[in-house]
Amino acid sequence: MRLELTAGQAGDAPVAAKLLDAVAPGAIVIADKAYDTDGIRSLIAAQGAWANIPPRSMRKGTFAFSRWVYRQRNLVERFFNRIKQMRGLATRYDRRPDNFLAAIKLAAVRIWINA
């Protein structure tokens, strides 16, 4: 799992290239519709992985998409829900981004150990 901190007004897709540079060949990348761009799909395919991303409604082409595999994404959503339950992280008391990211990583380790 990799975590990257972005500005509040920044979108998710611009950071995707940085997060996807270490995808192993044969891996399955599960993402939501915000990541349905030709650039992200080609980056994943160039690394030998499979993108299981639902197509946006305005997309004209079709792609292979498995709803069952996409349901496994709920693990990620539940992780972020657990992070949001921690008051200090949800309200972001830390002013420095590096301290905030470190606190999120510590919380992630705590969630992983308790699981």
Protein backbone atom coordinates (compact mmCIF):
# COMPACT_ATOMS: atom_id res chain seq x y z
CA MET A 1 0.00 0.00 0.00
CA ARG A 2 1.27 3.45 -0.86
CA LEU A 3 -0.06 6.72 0.49
CA GLU A 4 0.52 10.12 -1.08
CA LEU A 5 -0.58 13.45 0.35
CA THR A 6 -1.95 16.05 -2.07
CA ALA A 7 -3.40 19.52 -1.74
CA GLY A 8 -7.08 19.70 -0.88
CA GLN A 9 -8.06 21.28 -4.19
CA ALA A 10 -5.94 18.90 -6.30
CA GLY A 11 -7.58 16.05 -8.17
CA ASP A 12 -6.71 12.39 -7.77
CA ALA A 13 -5.71 11.60 -11.36
CA PRO A 14 -2.57 13.83 -11.57
CA VAL A 15 -0.92 11.89 -8.72
CA ALA A 16 -1.80 8.52 -10.24
CA ALA A 17 1.39 8.30 -12.34
CA LYS A 18 3.51 8.70 -9.22
CA LEU A 19 1.58 6.04 -7.33
CA LEU A 20 1.45 3.59 -10.23
CA ASP A 21 5.17 3.57 -11.07
CA ALA A 22 5.77 0.51 -8.86
CA VAL A 23 2.91 -1.67 -10.12
CA ALA A 24 4.10 -5.24 -10.60
CA PRO A 25 3.50 -7.03 -13.91
CA GLY A 26 0.35 -9.13 -13.77
CA ALA A 27 -1.19 -7.03 -11.00
CA ILE A 28 -4.77 -5.82 -11.00
CA VAL A 29 -5.27 -2.10 -10.40
CA ILE A 30 -8.70 -1.34 -8.95
CA ALA A 31 -9.75 2.29 -9.14
CA ASP A 32 -12.92 4.33 -9.36
CA LYS A 33 -14.27 6.28 -12.32
CA ALA A 34 -12.10 9.31 -11.57
CA TYR A 35 -9.11 7.33 -12.87
CA ASP A 36 -10.77 6.38 -16.18
CA THR A 37 -8.41 8.23 -18.50
CA ASP A 38 -6.52 6.98 -21.53
CA GLY A 39 -3.22 8.05 -19.97
CA ILE A 40 -3.72 6.07 -16.77
CA ARG A 41 -4.98 3.02 -18.65
CA SER A 42 -1.98 3.08 -21.00
CA LEU A 43 0.43 3.53 -18.07
CA ILE A 44 -1.02 0.47 -16.34
CA ALA A 45 -0.96 -1.57 -19.56
CA ALA A 46 2.65 -0.56 -20.26
CA GLN A 47 3.66 -2.07 -16.91
CA GLY A 48 1.94 -5.35 -17.75
CA ALA A 49 -0.91 -4.89 -15.26
CA TRP A 50 -4.66 -4.96 -15.76
CA ALA A 51 -6.82 -1.91 -15.06
CA ASN A 52 -10.17 -2.82 -13.52
CA ILE A 53 -11.70 0.65 -13.73
CA PRO A 54 -15.39 1.19 -14.50
CA PRO A 55 -15.85 3.31 -17.63
CA ARG A 56 -17.30 6.77 -17.22
CA SER A 57 -20.69 7.38 -18.80
CA MET A 58 -19.22 9.68 -21.48
CA ARG A 59 -16.67 7.03 -22.62
CA LYS A 60 -17.41 5.70 -26.10
CA GLY A 61 -15.13 2.66 -26.07
CA THR A 62 -15.58 -0.38 -23.89
CA PHE A 63 -13.02 -2.08 -21.70
CA ALA A 64 -12.85 -5.36 -19.85
CA PHE A 65 -14.36 -4.78 -16.42
CA SER A 66 -15.16 -7.25 -13.66
CA ARG A 67 -17.79 -6.16 -11.15
CA TRP A 68 -16.76 -8.92 -8.74
CA VAL A 69 -13.13 -7.74 -8.65
CA TYR A 70 -14.30 -4.13 -8.31
CA ARG A 71 -16.28 -5.07 -5.18
CA GLN A 72 -12.99 -5.91 -3.48
CA ARG A 73 -12.32 -2.16 -3.48
CA ASN A 74 -14.53 -1.90 -0.39
CA LEU A 75 -11.47 -2.90 1.68
CA VAL A 76 -9.84 0.37 0.68
CA GLU A 77 -13.02 2.32 1.38
CA ARG A 78 -13.32 0.73 4.83
CA PHE A 79 -9.68 1.63 5.53
CA PHE A 80 -10.36 5.30 4.78
CA ASN A 81 -13.52 5.14 6.88
CA ARG A 82 -11.45 3.89 9.84
CA ILE A 83 -8.94 6.72 9.27
CA LYS A 84 -11.81 9.25 9.30
CA GLN A 85 -12.98 7.88 12.66
CA MET A 86 -9.71 9.07 14.24
CA ARG A 87 -10.46 12.62 15.30
CA GLY A 88 -6.93 13.99 15.10
CA LEU A 89 -6.55 12.81 11.52
CA ALA A 90 -10.05 13.73 10.35
CA THR A 91 -9.69 17.33 11.53
CA ARG A 92 -6.01 17.52 10.56
CA TYR A 93 -4.48 19.07 13.65
CA ASP A 94 -0.96 18.84 12.18
CA ARG A 95 -0.02 21.86 10.14
CA ARG A 96 3.00 20.33 8.45
CA PRO A 97 2.22 17.88 5.64
CA ASP A 98 5.08 15.54 6.53
CA ASN A 99 3.82 15.18 10.13
CA PHE A 100 0.27 14.59 8.91
CA LEU A 101 1.40 11.91 6.44
CA ALA A 102 3.47 10.24 9.16
CA ALA A 103 0.43 10.18 11.46
CA ILE A 104 -1.66 8.60 8.70
CA LYS A 105 1.01 5.94 8.13
CA LEU A 106 1.13 5.18 11.85
CA ALA A 107 -2.65 4.88 11.93
CA ALA A 108 -2.49 2.56 8.90
CA VAL A 109 0.01 0.33 10.69
CA ARG A 110 -2.22 0.28 13.76
CA ILE A 111 -5.25 -0.71 11.67
CA TRP A 112 -3.22 -3.39 9.88
CA ILE A 113 -1.92 -4.89 13.13
CA ASN A 114 -5.40 -4.98 14.69
CA ALA A 115 -6.92 -6.65 11.61
